[in-house]
Protein backbone atom coordinates (compact mmCIF):
# COMPACT_ATOMS: atom_id res chain seq x y z
CA UNK A 1 -162.14 22.54 50.87
CA UNK A 2 -165.72 23.44 51.75
CA UNK A 3 -166.75 25.94 54.40
CA UNK A 4 -167.80 23.06 56.68
CA UNK A 5 -164.45 21.30 56.24
CA UNK A 6 -162.63 24.51 57.10
CA UNK A 7 -164.82 25.06 60.16
CA UNK A 8 -164.12 21.56 61.48
CA UNK A 9 -160.40 21.88 60.80
CA UNK A 10 -160.24 25.25 62.56
CA UNK A 11 -162.18 23.87 65.54
CA UNK A 12 -159.91 20.82 65.85
CA UNK A 13 -156.87 23.09 65.75
CA UNK A 14 -158.36 25.22 68.52
CA UNK A 15 -159.27 22.24 70.73
CA UNK A 16 -155.65 21.08 70.99
CA UNK A 17 -154.33 24.45 72.19
CA UNK A 18 -153.45 25.13 75.80
CA UNK A 19 -155.65 28.21 75.68
CA UNK A 20 -158.72 26.08 74.92
CA UNK A 21 -157.85 23.64 77.71
CA UNK A 22 -157.38 26.54 80.13
CA UNK A 23 -160.71 28.07 79.10
CA UNK A 24 -162.53 24.78 79.66
CA UNK A 25 -160.94 24.44 83.09
CA UNK A 26 -162.04 27.95 84.09
CA UNK A 27 -165.54 27.40 82.72
CA UNK A 28 -165.86 24.17 84.72
CA UNK A 29 -164.88 26.08 87.85
CA UNK A 30 -167.49 28.75 87.07
CA UNK A 31 -170.10 26.08 86.45
CA UNK A 32 -169.35 24.48 89.81
CA UNK A 33 -169.51 27.86 91.58
CA UNK A 34 -172.99 28.78 90.36
CA UNK A 35 -175.52 27.93 93.05
CA UNK A 36 -179.02 28.94 93.97
CA UNK A 37 -177.58 30.37 97.19
CA UNK A 38 -176.87 33.55 95.24
CA UNK A 39 -180.48 33.87 94.13
CA UNK A 40 -182.49 36.43 96.07
CA UNK A 41 -185.23 37.18 93.55
CA UNK A 42 -186.54 36.18 90.13
CA UNK A 43 -184.09 38.47 88.32
CA UNK A 44 -181.15 36.78 90.08
CA UNK A 45 -182.55 33.38 89.15
CA UNK A 46 -182.77 34.23 85.46
CA UNK A 47 -179.33 35.87 85.53
CA UNK A 48 -177.71 32.77 87.04
CA UNK A 49 -179.67 30.54 84.66
CA UNK A 50 -178.41 32.56 81.69
CA UNK A 51 -174.80 32.38 82.92
CA UNK A 52 -175.08 28.62 83.34
CA UNK A 53 -176.62 28.23 79.89
CA UNK A 54 -173.73 30.10 78.21
CA UNK A 55 -171.11 28.19 80.20
CA UNK A 56 -172.66 24.85 79.28
CA UNK A 57 -172.92 25.90 75.64
CA UNK A 58 -169.18 26.58 75.57
CA UNK A 59 -168.33 23.43 77.53
CA UNK A 60 -170.30 21.35 75.02
CA UNK A 61 -168.88 23.00 71.90
CA UNK A 62 -166.15 20.44 71.30
CA UNK A 63 -168.58 17.52 71.55
CA UNK A 64 -171.01 19.34 69.28
CA UNK A 65 -168.36 19.81 66.60
CA UNK A 66 -167.23 16.18 66.84
CA UNK A 67 -170.83 14.99 66.55
CA UNK A 68 -171.55 17.27 63.58
CA UNK A 69 -168.41 16.14 61.78
CA UNK A 70 -169.24 12.47 62.33
CA UNK A 71 -172.76 12.94 61.01
CA UNK A 72 -171.59 14.25 57.63
């Protein structure tokens, strides 16, 4: 088994766990809660933008893995 095969297998195993499903649910709630109403200056804007970027990165991880695996 190659390193890529192991990575995909590990990711698939993680995606079916309740912990992963719970994490995705919480991240979706966080994503929905981020608004520009909390932005009072440029630093706040970049902070909220960074939070949203990380949340979306994690929310898209499963699709990224599926796409990578299909492209091999």
